[in-house]
Amino acid sequence: MRLLFLAVLRRHTGNAITAQRVRDHLEAAGHVCILKDALDFESPSEISNFIKAESLEAAMALHLYRGGRLLPGHGIPFGIIFGGTDLNEDVKHGEKNKVMGRVLEEARFAVAFTESMKETAQRQWPHAKDKIYVQSQGIATVPNTTFNWNTFLQRSEINQSADNLHVFLLICGLRQVKDPLYLVDAFSEWHQEEPNIYMVIVGPEVDPVFTREVKAKVKRTAGVRLIGEMAQEDLHAVMKNCFAVVNSSVSEGMSAAILEAMDLEVPVLARNIPGNAAVVKHEVTGLLFSDPQEFVRLAKRLGGDPALEKQIVANGREYVRMYHSWQVERNTYGHLVRMLEGSSED
């Protein structure tokens, strides 16, 4: 079967990585999957022309609003994967909410990463409750074995000779919903007390206006560095070398960076929001903070308590192994796409 798969493909953002992984699953099941950036299409008529030109028989979209709104009305069956901001942010806007409800009426299935995402969707659109499936993200990490950590530190202008160097890594696209500046002031104060502590923000420049604000703030803030996007294997190598991975987002569907850190046996400190609390159990698989001061308290505690660090890392790794199996994810999407195959004659 020939499928169109729409997603927002900013490189190395969570949704782009998820889309590429799901495409691989669909192709492994024997389908031709054409992955396209939803932002490249301005109207449903452009999608219609593309479907005809490519002889496409079915479609999928990652993100109910950005991708999903382009799919109804073309006479081919389709499925949806919730992204995160569709359920956490877009639902608050009346017109977007209505559009998403109409998309779900026509969709053959919808995938939520967590039970709480499924419950949110069911509350918003009760008519869709029987077509929503839960499939957590499958995680596989492949750190670049030739990556040079010291070169990375040099490039980041971090003093490699600092005793007991602790690098905290915040991985996110530079946009407001990721709130990369949330911890910056508190972290900088801590760095001035303990110069061996650094925070490095890594990610693509998604929102140009907000990126300028982030760059200006980081430039005048001690102990905080900003690095552009990196190849996935290099990013995994950086994660493996850092002291902890941090998430300070206002809203998350399911953070791949948190799960990858757990898989790589790196401690996680995450802002206490529903998407993060769904995967980080406080003091079991990671640490949850509610404000910048609590982040600093917990980070200091982690640094001074090797037993806690060891316990969190072991539990996180086991959690990912149990609940975020790449193979289980592959099997699920293989099953779901057969639902589209079965209905393409309708």
C-alpha atoms as a PDB file:
ATOM      1  CA  MET A   1       0.000   0.000   0.000  1.00  0.00           C
ATOM      2  CA  ARG A   2       1.163   3.531  -0.776  1.00  0.00           C
ATOM      3  CA  LEU A   3       0.751   5.916   2.162  1.00  0.00           C
ATOM      4  CA  LEU A   4       1.141   9.629   2.739  1.00  0.00           C
ATOM      5  CA  PHE A   5       2.491  10.482   6.217  1.00  0.00           C
ATOM      6  CA  LEU A   6       2.226  14.130   7.289  1.00  0.00           C
ATOM      7  CA  ALA A   7       4.192  15.580  10.204  1.00  0.00           C
ATOM      8  CA  VAL A   8       6.029  18.769  11.128  1.00  0.00           C
ATOM      9  CA  LEU A   9       9.586  17.831  10.200  1.00  0.00           C
ATOM     10  CA  ARG A  10      11.828  20.359  11.917  1.00  0.00           C
ATOM     11  CA  ARG A  11      15.000  18.376  12.273  1.00  0.00           C
ATOM     12  CA  HIS A  12      15.751  16.697  15.584  1.00  0.00           C
ATOM     13  CA  THR A  13      12.532  17.796  17.274  1.00  0.00           C
ATOM     14  CA  GLY A  14      10.532  15.103  19.052  1.00  0.00           C
ATOM     15  CA  ASN A  15       7.738  14.884  16.493  1.00  0.00           C
ATOM     16  CA  ALA A  16      10.167  14.697  13.548  1.00  0.00           C
ATOM     17  CA  ILE A  17      12.089  11.847  15.170  1.00  0.00           C
ATOM     18  CA  THR A  18       8.846  10.017  16.028  1.00  0.00           C
ATOM     19  CA  ALA A  19       7.607  10.456  12.444  1.00  0.00           C
ATOM     20  CA  GLN A  20      10.806   9.005  10.989  1.00  0.00           C
ATOM     21  CA  ARG A  21      10.640   6.042  13.367  1.00  0.00           C
ATOM     22  CA  VAL A  22       6.967   5.316  12.539  1.00  0.00           C
ATOM     23  CA  ARG A  23       7.743   5.619   8.811  1.00  0.00           C
ATOM     24  CA  ASP A  24      10.448   2.962   9.276  1.00  0.00           C
ATOM     25  CA  HIS A  25       7.886   0.716  11.014  1.00  0.00           C
ATOM     26  CA  LEU A  26       5.402   1.121   8.141  1.00  0.00           C
ATOM     27  CA  GLU A  27       8.042   0.419   5.515  1.00  0.00           C
ATOM     28  CA  ALA A  28       9.189  -2.659   7.454  1.00  0.00           C
ATOM     29  CA  ALA A  29       5.583  -3.902   7.143  1.00  0.00           C
ATOM     30  CA  GLY A  30       5.993  -3.737   3.349  1.00  0.00           C
ATOM     31  CA  HIS A  31       4.321  -0.405   2.584  1.00  0.00           C
ATOM     32  CA  VAL A  32       5.598   2.586   0.624  1.00  0.00           C
ATOM     33  CA  CYS A  33       5.453   5.532   3.035  1.00  0.00           C
ATOM     34  CA  ILE A  34       5.990   9.060   1.702  1.00  0.00           C
ATOM     35  CA  LEU A  35       6.844  11.321   4.642  1.00  0.00           C
ATOM     36  CA  LYS A  36       6.078  14.992   3.959  1.00  0.00           C
ATOM     37  CA  ASP A  37       6.197  18.157   6.052  1.00  0.00           C
ATOM     38  CA  ALA A  38       2.646  19.323   6.800  1.00  0.00           C
ATOM     39  CA  LEU A  39       3.863  22.929   6.613  1.00  0.00           C
ATOM     40  CA  ASP A  40       4.708  22.462   2.917  1.00  0.00           C
ATOM     41  CA  PHE A  41       0.996  22.245   2.058  1.00  0.00           C
ATOM     42  CA  GLU A  42      -1.112  25.386   2.269  1.00  0.00           C
ATOM     43  CA  SER A  43      -4.508  23.861   1.509  1.00  0.00           C
ATOM     44  CA  PRO A  44      -6.393  20.551   1.255  1.00  0.00           C
ATOM     45  CA  SER A  45      -6.491  20.998  -2.550  1.00  0.00           C
ATOM     46  CA  GLU A  46      -2.668  20.802  -2.659  1.00  0.00           C
ATOM     47  CA  ILE A  47      -2.879  17.555  -0.673  1.00  0.00           C
ATOM     48  CA  SER A  48      -5.570  16.267  -3.053  1.00  0.00           C
ATOM     49  CA  ASN A  49      -3.333  16.916  -6.071  1.00  0.00           C
ATOM     50  CA  PHE A  50      -0.398  15.229  -4.349  1.00  0.00           C
ATOM     51  CA  ILE A  51      -2.498  12.149  -3.460  1.00  0.00           C
ATOM     52  CA  LYS A  52      -3.608  11.793  -7.096  1.00  0.00           C
ATOM     53  CA  ALA A  53      -0.118  12.407  -8.524  1.00  0.00           C
ATOM     54  CA  GLU A  54       1.453   9.780  -6.234  1.00  0.00           C
ATOM     55  CA  SER A  55      -1.459   7.272  -6.458  1.00  0.00           C
ATOM     56  CA  LEU A  56      -1.724   7.187  -2.663  1.00  0.00           C
ATOM     57  CA  GLU A  57      -4.174   4.760  -1.064  1.00  0.00           C
ATOM     58  CA  ALA A  58      -4.106   5.846   2.597  1.00  0.00           C
ATOM     59  CA  ALA A  59      -2.620   8.466   4.893  1.00  0.00           C
ATOM     60  CA  MET A  60      -1.448   9.158   8.431  1.00  0.00           C
ATOM     61  CA  ALA A  61      -0.674  12.370  10.285  1.00  0.00           C
ATOM     62  CA  LEU A  62       1.328  13.103  13.409  1.00  0.00           C
ATOM     63  CA  HIS A  63      -0.426  16.018  15.201  1.00  0.00           C
ATOM     64  CA  LEU A  64      -4.197  16.188  15.025  1.00  0.00           C
ATOM     65  CA  TYR A  65      -4.339  19.845  14.014  1.00  0.00           C
ATOM     66  CA  ARG A  66      -1.209  20.604  11.990  1.00  0.00           C
ATOM     67  CA  GLY A  67      -1.268  17.411   9.965  1.00  0.00           C
ATOM     68  CA  GLY A  68      -4.737  15.992  10.548  1.00  0.00           C
ATOM     69  CA  ARG A  69      -6.742  18.983   9.315  1.00  0.00           C
ATOM     70  CA  LEU A  70      -5.365  18.445   5.793  1.00  0.00           C
ATOM     71  CA  LEU A  71      -6.569  14.836   5.440  1.00  0.00           C
ATOM     72  CA  PRO A  72     -10.417  14.666   5.484  1.00  0.00           C
ATOM     73  CA  GLY A  73     -12.404  14.731   2.275  1.00  0.00           C
ATOM     74  CA  HIS A  74      -9.933  13.057  -0.091  1.00  0.00           C
ATOM     75  CA  GLY A  75     -11.643   9.657  -0.264  1.00  0.00           C
ATOM     76  CA  ILE A  76      -8.744   7.722   1.269  1.00  0.00           C
ATOM     77  CA  PRO A  77      -8.710   6.222   4.791  1.00  0.00           C
ATOM     78  CA  PHE A  78      -6.386   7.779   7.330  1.00  0.00           C
ATOM     79  CA  GLY A  79      -5.186   7.514  10.919  1.00  0.00           C
ATOM     80  CA  ILE A  80      -3.866  10.087  13.384  1.00  0.00           C
ATOM     81  CA  ILE A  81      -1.125  10.175  16.027  1.00  0.00           C
ATOM     82  CA  PHE A  82      -1.596  12.842  18.695  1.00  0.00           C
ATOM     83  CA  GLY A  83       1.480  15.050  19.012  1.00  0.00           C
ATOM     84  CA  GLY A  84       1.184  16.824  22.371  1.00  0.00           C
ATOM     85  CA  THR A  85       0.468  20.485  21.676  1.00  0.00           C
ATOM     86  CA  ASP A  86      -2.707  19.451  19.815  1.00  0.00           C
ATOM     87  CA  LEU A  87      -4.141  18.038  23.066  1.00  0.00           C
ATOM     88  CA  ASN A  88      -2.437  20.415  25.511  1.00  0.00           C
ATOM     89  CA  GLU A  89      -2.661  23.750  23.692  1.00  0.00           C
ATOM     90  CA  ASP A  90      -4.747  23.697  20.483  1.00  0.00           C
ATOM     91  CA  VAL A  91      -7.836  22.309  22.258  1.00  0.00           C
ATOM     92  CA  LYS A  92      -8.137  25.649  24.096  1.00  0.00           C
ATOM     93  CA  HIS A  93      -8.857  27.458  20.803  1.00  0.00           C
ATOM     94  CA  GLY A  94     -12.499  27.032  19.795  1.00  0.00           C
ATOM     95  CA  GLU A  95     -12.072  26.859  16.020  1.00  0.00           C
ATOM     96  CA  LYS A  96      -9.055  24.515  16.182  1.00  0.00           C
ATOM     97  CA  ASN A  97     -10.963  22.291  18.633  1.00  0.00           C
ATOM     98  CA  LYS A  98     -13.884  21.999  16.178  1.00  0.00           C
ATOM     99  CA  VAL A  99     -11.559  21.235  13.254  1.00  0.00           C
ATOM    100  CA  MET A 100      -9.823  18.494  15.254  1.00  0.00           C
ATOM    101  CA  GLY A 101     -13.187  16.982  16.237  1.00  0.00           C
ATOM    102  CA  ARG A 102     -14.174  16.784  12.562  1.00  0.00           C
ATOM    103  CA  VAL A 103     -10.842  15.136  11.689  1.00  0.00           C
ATOM    104  CA  LEU A 104     -11.424  12.472  14.360  1.00  0.00           C
ATOM    105  CA  GLU A 105     -14.912  11.759  12.975  1.00  0.00           C
ATOM    106  CA  GLU A 106     -13.342  10.650   9.698  1.00  0.00           C
ATOM    107  CA  ALA A 107     -10.138   9.070  11.075  1.00  0.00           C
ATOM    108  CA  ARG A 108     -10.073   5.273  11.273  1.00  0.00           C
ATOM    109  CA  PHE A 109      -7.862   5.310  14.375  1.00  0.00           C
ATOM    110  CA  ALA A 110      -5.988   7.708  16.649  1.00  0.00           C
ATOM    111  CA  VAL A 111      -2.879   6.907  18.697  1.00  0.00           C
ATOM    112  CA  ALA A 112      -2.120   8.490  22.083  1.00  0.00           C
ATOM    113  CA  PHE A 113       1.291   8.077  23.713  1.00  0.00           C
ATOM    114  CA  THR A 114      -0.152   7.823  27.252  1.00  0.00           C
ATOM    115  CA  GLU A 115      -3.389   6.898  29.055  1.00  0.00           C
ATOM    116  CA  SER A 116      -3.713  10.517  30.217  1.00  0.00           C
ATOM    117  CA  MET A 117      -3.506  11.761  26.602  1.00  0.00           C
ATOM    118  CA  LYS A 118      -6.208   9.247  25.667  1.00  0.00           C
ATOM    119  CA  GLU A 119      -8.414  10.461  28.538  1.00  0.00           C
ATOM    120  CA  THR A 120      -7.936  14.110  27.481  1.00  0.00           C
ATOM    121  CA  ALA A 121      -8.941  13.262  23.899  1.00  0.00           C
ATOM    122  CA  GLN A 122     -11.968  11.257  25.052  1.00  0.00           C
ATOM    123  CA  ARG A 123     -13.167  14.155  27.223  1.00  0.00           C
ATOM    124  CA  GLN A 124     -12.834  16.588  24.327  1.00  0.00           C
ATOM    125  CA  TRP A 125     -14.334  14.338  21.636  1.00  0.00           C
ATOM    126  CA  PRO A 126     -16.458  11.577  23.205  1.00  0.00           C
ATOM    127  CA  HIS A 127     -17.567  10.401  19.743  1.00  0.00           C
ATOM    128  CA  ALA A 128     -14.001   9.181  19.074  1.00  0.00           C
ATOM    129  CA  LYS A 129     -13.495   7.147  22.239  1.00  0.00           C
ATOM    130  CA  ASP A 130     -13.683   3.733  20.551  1.00  0.00           C
ATOM    131  CA  LYS A 131     -10.992   4.530  17.988  1.00  0.00           C
ATOM    132  CA  ILE A 132      -8.232   5.797  20.325  1.00  0.00           C
ATOM    133  CA  TYR A 133      -5.360   3.417  21.042  1.00  0.00           C
ATOM    134  CA  VAL A 134      -2.477   3.886  23.492  1.00  0.00           C
ATOM    135  CA  GLN A 135       1.022   3.174  22.186  1.00  0.00           C
ATOM    136  CA  SER A 136       3.934   4.677  24.060  1.00  0.00           C
ATOM    137  CA  GLN A 137       6.959   5.776  22.075  1.00  0.00           C
ATOM    138  CA  GLY A 138       9.459   3.043  21.315  1.00  0.00           C
ATOM    139  CA  ILE A 139      13.002   4.049  22.238  1.00  0.00           C
ATOM    140  CA  ALA A 140      16.289   2.969  20.707  1.00  0.00           C
ATOM    141  CA  THR A 141      19.494   4.933  21.369  1.00  0.00           C
ATOM    142  CA  VAL A 142      22.686   4.672  19.315  1.00  0.00           C
ATOM    143  CA  PRO A 143      25.416   6.982  20.678  1.00  0.00           C
ATOM    144  CA  ASN A 144      28.251   7.844  18.283  1.00  0.00           C
ATOM    145  CA  THR A 145      31.192   5.840  19.665  1.00  0.00           C
ATOM    146  CA  THR A 146      33.741   8.177  18.034  1.00  0.00           C
ATOM    147  CA  PHE A 147      32.243  11.347  19.539  1.00  0.00           C
ATOM    148  CA  ASN A 148      34.793  13.493  21.388  1.00  0.00           C
ATOM    149  CA  TRP A 149      33.374  14.862  24.649  1.00  0.00           C
ATOM    150  CA  ASN A 150      36.345  17.164  25.275  1.00  0.00           C
ATOM    151  CA  THR A 151      35.918  18.759  21.846  1.00  0.00           C
ATOM    152  CA  PHE A 152      32.245  19.326  22.659  1.00  0.00           C
ATOM    153  CA  LEU A 153      33.182  21.005  25.955  1.00  0.00           C
ATOM    154  CA  GLN A 154      35.707  23.221  24.145  1.00  0.00           C
ATOM    155  CA  ARG A 155      33.114  24.183  21.555  1.00  0.00           C
ATOM    156  CA  SER A 156      30.696  24.983  24.388  1.00  0.00           C
ATOM    157  CA  GLU A 157      33.381  27.107  26.106  1.00  0.00           C
ATOM    158  CA  ILE A 158      33.195  24.995  29.245  1.00  0.00           C
ATOM    159  CA  ASN A 159      36.196  24.784  31.557  1.00  0.00           C
ATOM    160  CA  GLN A 160      37.196  21.134  31.221  1.00  0.00           C
ATOM    161  CA  SER A 161      39.649  21.315  34.096  1.00  0.00           C
ATOM    162  CA  ALA A 162      36.932  22.243  36.609  1.00  0.00           C
ATOM    163  CA  ASP A 163      36.936  19.773  39.515  1.00  0.00           C
ATOM    164  CA  ASN A 164      33.953  17.435  39.452  1.00  0.00           C
ATOM    165  CA  LEU A 165      32.454  18.963  36.275  1.00  0.00           C
ATOM    166  CA  HIS A 166      28.653  18.586  36.125  1.00  0.00           C
ATOM    167  CA  VAL A 167      26.921  19.372  32.812  1.00  0.00           C
ATOM    168  CA  PHE A 168      23.110  19.515  32.803  1.00  0.00           C
ATOM    169  CA  LEU A 169      21.653  19.084  29.316  1.00  0.00           C
ATOM    170  CA  LEU A 170      18.388  20.680  28.189  1.00  0.00           C
ATOM    171  CA  ILE A 171      17.290  19.342  24.784  1.00  0.00           C
ATOM    172  CA  CYS A 172      14.530  21.240  22.997  1.00  0.00           C
ATOM    173  CA  GLY A 173      13.546  23.164  19.915  1.00  0.00           C
ATOM    174  CA  LEU A 174      13.744  26.882  20.651  1.00  0.00           C
ATOM    175  CA  ARG A 175      10.075  27.765  21.008  1.00  0.00           C
ATOM    176  CA  GLN A 176       8.043  29.143  23.884  1.00  0.00           C
ATOM    177  CA  VAL A 177       6.181  25.951  24.794  1.00  0.00           C
ATOM    178  CA  LYS A 178       9.572  24.354  25.640  1.00  0.00           C
ATOM    179  CA  ASP A 179      10.397  27.275  27.999  1.00  0.00           C
ATOM    180  CA  PRO A 180      14.208  26.902  27.759  1.00  0.00           C
ATOM    181  CA  LEU A 181      14.788  30.076  29.830  1.00  0.00           C
ATOM    182  CA  TYR A 182      12.725  28.834  32.803  1.00  0.00           C
ATOM    183  CA  LEU A 183      15.753  27.688  34.830  1.00  0.00           C
ATOM    184  CA  VAL A 184      18.400  30.052  33.467  1.00  0.00           C
ATOM    185  CA  ASP A 185      18.489  32.672  36.261  1.00  0.00           C
ATOM    186  CA  ALA A 186      18.386  30.139  39.103  1.00  0.00           C
ATOM    187  CA  PHE A 187      21.010  28.016  37.368  1.00  0.00           C
ATOM    188  CA  SER A 188      23.310  30.974  36.831  1.00  0.00           C
ATOM    189  CA  GLU A 189      23.161  31.894  40.531  1.00  0.00           C
ATOM    190  CA  TRP A 190      24.101  28.308  41.372  1.00  0.00           C
ATOM    191  CA  HIS A 191      26.981  28.375  38.854  1.00  0.00           C
ATOM    192  CA  GLN A 192      28.391  31.471  40.543  1.00  0.00           C
ATOM    193  CA  GLU A 193      28.494  29.539  43.837  1.00  0.00           C
ATOM    194  CA  GLU A 194      29.828  26.377  42.171  1.00  0.00           C
ATOM    195  CA  PRO A 195      31.743  27.128  38.918  1.00  0.00           C
ATOM    196  CA  ASN A 196      31.911  23.406  37.994  1.00  0.00           C
ATOM    197  CA  ILE A 197      28.138  23.411  37.245  1.00  0.00           C
ATOM    198  CA  TYR A 198      26.959  24.185  33.682  1.00  0.00           C
ATOM    199  CA  MET A 199      23.718  24.009  31.762  1.00  0.00           C
ATOM    200  CA  VAL A 200      23.859  23.411  28.002  1.00  0.00           C
ATOM    201  CA  ILE A 201      20.744  24.003  25.878  1.00  0.00           C
ATOM    202  CA  VAL A 202      20.807  21.978  22.636  1.00  0.00           C
ATOM    203  CA  GLY A 203      18.270  22.208  19.850  1.00  0.00           C
ATOM    204  CA  PRO A 204      17.117  23.665  16.549  1.00  0.00           C
ATOM    205  CA  GLU A 205      16.026  27.275  16.067  1.00  0.00           C
ATOM    206  CA  VAL A 206      12.294  26.761  15.609  1.00  0.00           C
ATOM    207  CA  ASP A 207      10.793  30.191  16.384  1.00  0.00           C
ATOM    208  CA  PRO A 208      13.132  32.905  14.962  1.00  0.00           C
ATOM    209  CA  VAL A 209      11.869  35.736  17.198  1.00  0.00           C
ATOM    210  CA  PHE A 210      12.017  33.620  20.362  1.00  0.00           C
ATOM    211  CA  THR A 211      15.443  32.253  19.330  1.00  0.00           C
ATOM    212  CA  ARG A 212      16.834  35.811  19.347  1.00  0.00           C
ATOM    213  CA  GLU A 213      15.494  36.288  22.883  1.00  0.00           C
ATOM    214  CA  VAL A 214      17.072  33.012  24.040  1.00  0.00           C
ATOM    215  CA  LYS A 215      20.438  33.841  22.448  1.00  0.00           C
ATOM    216  CA  ALA A 216      20.491  37.318  24.020  1.00  0.00           C
ATOM    217  CA  LYS A 217      19.641  35.957  27.475  1.00  0.00           C
ATOM    218  CA  VAL A 218      22.170  33.108  27.345  1.00  0.00           C
ATOM    219  CA  LYS A 219      24.920  35.442  26.104  1.00  0.00           C
ATOM    220  CA  ARG A 220      24.721  37.540  29.273  1.00  0.00           C
ATOM    221  CA  THR A 221      24.154  34.630  31.692  1.00  0.00           C
ATOM    222  CA  ALA A 222      27.046  32.896  33.461  1.00  0.00           C
ATOM    223  CA  GLY A 223      27.146  29.086  33.419  1.00  0.00           C
ATOM    224  CA  VAL A 224      24.620  28.596  30.595  1.00  0.00           C
ATOM    225  CA  ARG A 225      25.534  27.678  27.018  1.00  0.00           C
ATOM    226  CA  LEU A 226      23.505  27.352  23.799  1.00  0.00           C
ATOM    227  CA  ILE A 227      24.420  24.850  21.070  1.00  0.00           C
ATOM    228  CA  GLY A 228      22.607  24.383  17.744  1.00  0.00           C
ATOM    229  CA  GLU A 229      20.967  21.161  16.649  1.00  0.00           C
ATOM    230  CA  MET A 230      23.086  18.009  16.466  1.00  0.00           C
ATOM    231  CA  ALA A 231      22.908  14.690  14.662  1.00  0.00           C
ATOM    232  CA  GLN A 232      20.935  12.194  16.739  1.00  0.00           C
ATOM    233  CA  GLU A 233      23.896   9.845  17.348  1.00  0.00           C
ATOM    234  CA  ASP A 234      26.076  12.772  18.520  1.00  0.00           C
ATOM    235  CA  LEU A 235      23.283  14.021  20.784  1.00  0.00           C
ATOM    236  CA  HIS A 236      23.001  10.579  22.366  1.00  0.00           C
ATOM    237  CA  ALA A 237      26.766  10.622  22.972  1.00  0.00           C
ATOM    238  CA  VAL A 238      26.481  14.029  24.677  1.00  0.00           C
ATOM    239  CA  MET A 239      23.613  12.735  26.812  1.00  0.00           C
ATOM    240  CA  LYS A 240      25.681   9.738  27.882  1.00  0.00           C
ATOM    241  CA  ASN A 241      28.507  12.031  29.021  1.00  0.00           C
ATOM    242  CA  CYS A 242      26.432  14.666  30.825  1.00  0.00           C
ATOM    243  CA  PHE A 243      25.489  14.564  34.513  1.00  0.00           C
ATOM    244  CA  ALA A 244      21.716  14.815  33.960  1.00  0.00           C
ATOM    245  CA  VAL A 245      19.111  15.591  31.299  1.00  0.00           C
ATOM    246  CA  VAL A 246      16.646  18.378  32.089  1.00  0.00           C
ATOM    247  CA  ASN A 247      13.147  19.122  30.749  1.00  0.00           C
ATOM    248  CA  SER A 248      11.516  22.475  31.572  1.00  0.00           C
ATOM    249  CA  SER A 249       8.619  22.451  29.085  1.00  0.00           C
ATOM    250  CA  VAL A 250       5.262  24.078  29.769  1.00  0.00           C
ATOM    251  CA  SER A 251       3.603  21.249  27.818  1.00  0.00           C
ATOM    252  CA  GLU A 252       4.710  17.829  26.551  1.00  0.00           C
ATOM    253  CA  GLY A 253       3.042  14.876  24.873  1.00  0.00           C
ATOM    254  CA  MET A 254       5.809  12.421  25.683  1.00  0.00           C
ATOM    255  CA  SER A 255       9.382  13.679  25.723  1.00  0.00           C
ATOM    256  CA  ALA A 256      11.642  11.408  23.680  1.00  0.00           C
ATOM    257  CA  ALA A 257      14.700  13.089  25.256  1.00  0.00           C
ATOM    258  CA  ILE A 258      13.588  12.007  28.749  1.00  0.00           C
ATOM    259  CA  LEU A 259      13.091   8.414  27.608  1.00  0.00           C
ATOM    260  CA  GLU A 260      16.384   8.376  25.696  1.00  0.00           C
ATOM    261  CA  ALA A 261      18.200   9.640  28.806  1.00  0.00           C
ATOM    262  CA  MET A 262      16.665   6.808  30.834  1.00  0.00           C
ATOM    263  CA  ASP A 263      17.706   4.313  28.161  1.00  0.00           C
ATOM    264  CA  LEU A 264      21.271   5.704  28.285  1.00  0.00           C
ATOM    265  CA  GLU A 265      21.302   5.441  32.113  1.00  0.00           C
ATOM    266  CA  VAL A 266      21.426   9.191  32.678  1.00  0.00           C
ATOM    267  CA  PRO A 267      19.415  10.828  35.509  1.00  0.00           C
ATOM    268  CA  VAL A 268      16.415  12.964  34.536  1.00  0.00           C
ATOM    269  CA  LEU A 269      15.118  16.155  36.182  1.00  0.00           C
ATOM    270  CA  ALA A 270      11.797  17.224  34.672  1.00  0.00           C
ATOM    271  CA  ARG A 271       9.268  19.978  35.239  1.00  0.00           C
ATOM    272  CA  ASN A 272       6.184  18.609  36.968  1.00  0.00           C
ATOM    273  CA  ILE A 273       3.614  18.762  34.144  1.00  0.00           C
ATOM    274  CA  PRO A 274       1.213  15.940  33.148  1.00  0.00           C
ATOM    275  CA  GLY A 275       3.215  14.780  30.096  1.00  0.00           C
ATOM    276  CA  ASN A 276       6.415  14.475  32.147  1.00  0.00           C
ATOM    277  CA  ALA A 277       4.749  13.037  35.262  1.00  0.00           C
ATOM    278  CA  ALA A 278       3.331  10.263  33.052  1.00  0.00           C
ATOM    279  CA  VAL A 279       6.865   8.889  32.519  1.00  0.00           C
ATOM    280  CA  VAL A 280       8.897  10.279  35.448  1.00  0.00           C
ATOM    281  CA  LYS A 281       7.885   8.937  38.849  1.00  0.00           C
ATOM    282  CA  HIS A 282       9.429  11.252  41.439  1.00  0.00           C
ATOM    283  CA  GLU A 283      12.431   9.712  43.243  1.00  0.00           C
ATOM    284  CA  VAL A 284      11.861   6.433  41.362  1.00  0.00           C
ATOM    285  CA  THR A 285      12.633   6.968  37.650  1.00  0.00           C
ATOM    286  CA  GLY A 286      13.695  10.623  37.945  1.00  0.00           C
ATOM    287  CA  LEU A 287      13.086  13.848  39.844  1.00  0.00           C
ATOM    288  CA  LEU A 288      10.178  16.274  39.282  1.00  0.00           C
ATOM    289  CA  PHE A 289      10.419  19.988  40.100  1.00  0.00           C
ATOM    290  CA  SER A 290       7.680  22.644  40.264  1.00  0.00           C
ATOM    291  CA  ASP A 291       9.811  25.795  40.211  1.00  0.00           C
ATOM    292  CA  PRO A 292      13.438  26.804  39.497  1.00  0.00           C
ATOM    293  CA  GLN A 293      14.395  26.857  43.191  1.00  0.00           C
ATOM    294  CA  GLU A 294      13.164  23.298  43.645  1.00  0.00           C
ATOM    295  CA  PHE A 295      15.139  22.277  40.546  1.00  0.00           C
ATOM    296  CA  VAL A 296      18.357  23.581  42.123  1.00  0.00           C
ATOM    297  CA  ARG A 297      17.574  21.846  45.455  1.00  0.00           C
ATOM    298  CA  LEU A 298      16.925  18.524  43.721  1.00  0.00           C
ATOM    299  CA  ALA A 299      19.952  18.839  41.408  1.00  0.00           C
ATOM    300  CA  LYS A 300      22.208  19.509  44.426  1.00  0.00           C
ATOM    301  CA  ARG A 301      20.682  16.547  46.228  1.00  0.00           C
ATOM    302  CA  LEU A 302      21.294  14.301  43.215  1.00  0.00           C
ATOM    303  CA  GLY A 303      24.916  15.450  43.048  1.00  0.00           C
ATOM    304  CA  GLY A 304      25.474  14.658  46.721  1.00  0.00           C
ATOM    305  CA  ASP A 305      23.649  11.335  46.892  1.00  0.00           C
ATOM    306  CA  PRO A 306      25.274   8.636  44.697  1.00  0.00           C
ATOM    307  CA  ALA A 307      22.839   5.996  46.003  1.00  0.00           C
ATOM    308  CA  LEU A 308      19.845   8.041  44.828  1.00  0.00           C
ATOM    309  CA  GLU A 309      21.485   8.577  41.441  1.00  0.00           C
ATOM    310  CA  LYS A 310      22.200   4.861  41.067  1.00  0.00           C
ATOM    311  CA  GLN A 311      18.647   3.918  42.025  1.00  0.00           C
ATOM    312  CA  ILE A 312      17.012   6.429  39.658  1.00  0.00           C
ATOM    313  CA  VAL A 313      19.222   5.384  36.745  1.00  0.00           C
ATOM    314  CA  ALA A 314      18.521   1.662  37.251  1.00  0.00           C
ATOM    315  CA  ASN A 315      14.769   2.214  37.605  1.00  0.00           C
ATOM    316  CA  GLY A 316      14.664   4.501  34.551  1.00  0.00           C
ATOM    317  CA  ARG A 317      16.467   1.990  32.374  1.00  0.00           C
ATOM    318  CA  GLU A 318      14.131  -0.801  33.495  1.00  0.00           C
ATOM    319  CA  TYR A 319      11.062   1.400  32.914  1.00  0.00           C
ATOM    320  CA  VAL A 320      12.080   2.106  29.302  1.00  0.00           C
ATOM    321  CA  ARG A 321      12.855  -1.575  28.695  1.00  0.00           C
ATOM    322  CA  MET A 322       9.433  -2.607  30.035  1.00  0.00           C
ATOM    323  CA  TYR A 323       7.154   0.105  28.622  1.00  0.00           C
ATOM    324  CA  HIS A 324       8.885   1.683  25.627  1.00  0.00           C
ATOM    325  CA  SER A 325       9.872  -1.295  23.533  1.00  0.00           C
ATOM    326  CA  TRP A 326      10.772  -0.393  19.958  1.00  0.00           C
ATOM    327  CA  GLN A 327       9.598  -3.835  18.788  1.00  0.00           C
ATOM    328  CA  VAL A 328       6.176  -3.519  20.452  1.00  0.00           C
ATOM    329  CA  GLU A 329       5.753  -0.104  18.796  1.00  0.00           C
ATOM    330  CA  ARG A 330       6.624  -1.655  15.414  1.00  0.00           C
ATOM    331  CA  ASN A 331       4.042  -4.403  15.920  1.00  0.00           C
ATOM    332  CA  THR A 332       1.331  -1.895  16.893  1.00  0.00           C
ATOM    333  CA  TYR A 333       1.780   0.286  13.815  1.00  0.00           C
ATOM    334  CA  GLY A 334       1.923  -2.827  11.626  1.00  0.00           C
ATOM    335  CA  HIS A 335      -1.493  -3.785  13.031  1.00  0.00           C
ATOM    336  CA  LEU A 336      -3.001  -0.291  12.738  1.00  0.00           C
ATOM    337  CA  VAL A 337      -1.932   0.196   9.129  1.00  0.00           C
ATOM    338  CA  ARG A 338      -3.684  -3.090   8.279  1.00  0.00           C
ATOM    339  CA  MET A 339      -6.884  -1.396   9.497  1.00  0.00           C
ATOM    340  CA  LEU A 340      -6.355   1.199   6.753  1.00  0.00           C
ATOM    341  CA  GLU A 341      -5.641  -1.535   4.200  1.00  0.00           C
ATOM    342  CA  GLY A 342      -8.817  -3.299   5.140  1.00  0.00           C
ATOM    343  CA  SER A 343     -10.859  -0.120   4.687  1.00  0.00           C
ATOM    344  CA  SER A 344      -9.278   1.266   1.510  1.00  0.00           C
ATOM    345  CA  GLU A 345     -11.933  -0.467  -0.583  1.00  0.00           C
ATOM    346  CA  ASP A 346     -14.787   1.261   1.330  1.00  0.00           C
END
